[in-house]
Amino acid sequence: MNQHTHLFVETYQGLVGFGLNRETDENTAIYYLQKFADDALMQVMIKRLSDEELRNLFDLISALLRKHLNEAEYHRLFLKEEKL
């Protein structure tokens, strides 16, 4: 059974745009991130990212995870495992 889901991008019917209001901004961020993480897109993009872009992407995601998730949430939600 697959552990990861990207259902939002498949069902979202709202506006995709940024700057109108917080709810639309949040939905747009989810939409873009799920589209960006698509396997076929990543196979193309990953080879085109510079070393600096790759490092910046990793650093940004890591910093956001550390800032907004506690250790148990990190293991359960990001790593998809139960902390031992």
Protein backbone atom coordinates (compact mmCIF):
# COMPACT_ATOMS: atom_id res chain seq x y z
CA MET A 1 0.00 0.00 0.00
CA ASN A 2 1.27 3.47 -0.88
CA GLN A 3 2.04 5.74 2.05
CA HIS A 4 2.06 9.07 0.22
CA THR A 5 -0.96 10.89 -1.10
CA HIS A 6 -1.44 13.77 -3.48
CA LEU A 7 -5.22 13.90 -3.62
CA PHE A 8 -5.66 17.66 -3.22
CA VAL A 9 -4.28 18.45 -6.67
CA GLU A 10 -6.59 15.86 -8.19
CA THR A 11 -9.77 17.27 -6.67
CA TYR A 12 -9.20 21.02 -6.09
CA GLN A 13 -11.61 23.16 -8.10
CA GLY A 14 -10.74 26.60 -6.68
CA LEU A 15 -8.63 29.48 -7.86
CA VAL A 16 -4.91 28.89 -8.32
CA GLY A 17 -3.24 32.20 -7.67
CA PHE A 18 -1.39 34.07 -4.99
CA GLY A 19 -2.07 37.28 -3.09
CA LEU A 20 -5.87 37.35 -3.03
CA ASN A 21 -6.40 35.95 0.49
CA ARG A 22 -4.83 33.51 2.94
CA GLU A 23 -7.11 30.57 2.06
CA THR A 24 -6.38 30.86 -1.68
CA ASP A 25 -2.66 31.28 -0.94
CA GLU A 26 -2.67 28.10 1.18
CA ASN A 27 -4.57 26.14 -1.47
CA THR A 28 -2.27 27.41 -4.19
CA ALA A 29 0.82 26.40 -2.19
CA ILE A 30 -0.56 22.86 -1.74
CA TYR A 31 -1.51 22.69 -5.43
CA TYR A 32 1.92 23.86 -6.63
CA LEU A 33 3.85 21.60 -4.25
CA GLN A 34 1.86 18.53 -5.24
CA LYS A 35 2.26 19.34 -8.94
CA PHE A 36 6.00 20.01 -8.41
CA ALA A 37 6.50 16.68 -6.62
CA ASP A 38 5.03 14.67 -9.51
CA ASP A 39 7.45 11.85 -10.41
CA ALA A 40 7.51 12.62 -14.15
CA LEU A 41 8.18 16.32 -13.58
CA MET A 42 10.87 15.59 -10.99
CA GLN A 43 12.69 13.24 -13.39
CA VAL A 44 13.10 16.19 -15.76
CA MET A 45 13.66 18.96 -13.20
CA ILE A 46 16.13 17.23 -10.88
CA LYS A 47 18.82 16.93 -13.56
CA ARG A 48 18.40 20.60 -14.52
CA LEU A 49 18.76 22.05 -11.04
CA SER A 50 22.17 23.50 -10.28
CA ASP A 51 24.05 22.26 -7.22
CA GLU A 52 23.12 25.52 -5.48
CA GLU A 53 19.43 25.22 -6.39
CA LEU A 54 19.35 21.63 -5.17
CA ARG A 55 21.03 22.61 -1.89
CA ASN A 56 18.68 25.61 -1.46
CA LEU A 57 15.63 23.42 -2.05
CA PHE A 58 16.83 20.86 0.49
CA ASP A 59 17.74 23.56 3.02
CA LEU A 60 14.36 25.32 2.69
CA ILE A 61 12.33 22.13 3.10
CA SER A 62 14.50 20.97 6.02
CA ALA A 63 14.20 24.34 7.77
CA LEU A 64 10.40 24.39 7.38
CA LEU A 65 10.12 20.85 8.73
CA ARG A 66 12.31 21.68 11.75
CA LYS A 67 10.39 24.91 12.44
CA HIS A 68 6.84 23.61 12.15
CA LEU A 69 6.91 19.93 13.18
CA ASN A 70 7.87 18.38 16.46
CA GLU A 71 9.90 15.17 16.39
CA ALA A 72 6.89 12.85 16.61
CA GLU A 73 5.11 14.71 13.78
CA TYR A 74 8.27 14.60 11.66
CA HIS A 75 8.49 10.82 12.01
CA ARG A 76 4.77 10.21 11.54
CA LEU A 77 3.91 12.76 8.84
CA PHE A 78 7.13 13.22 6.85
CA LEU A 79 9.00 9.96 7.30
CA LYS A 80 5.74 7.96 7.46
CA GLU A 81 7.00 5.90 10.38
CA GLU A 82 6.20 5.56 14.01
CA LYS A 83 9.03 6.79 16.19
CA LEU A 84 10.49 3.93 18.19
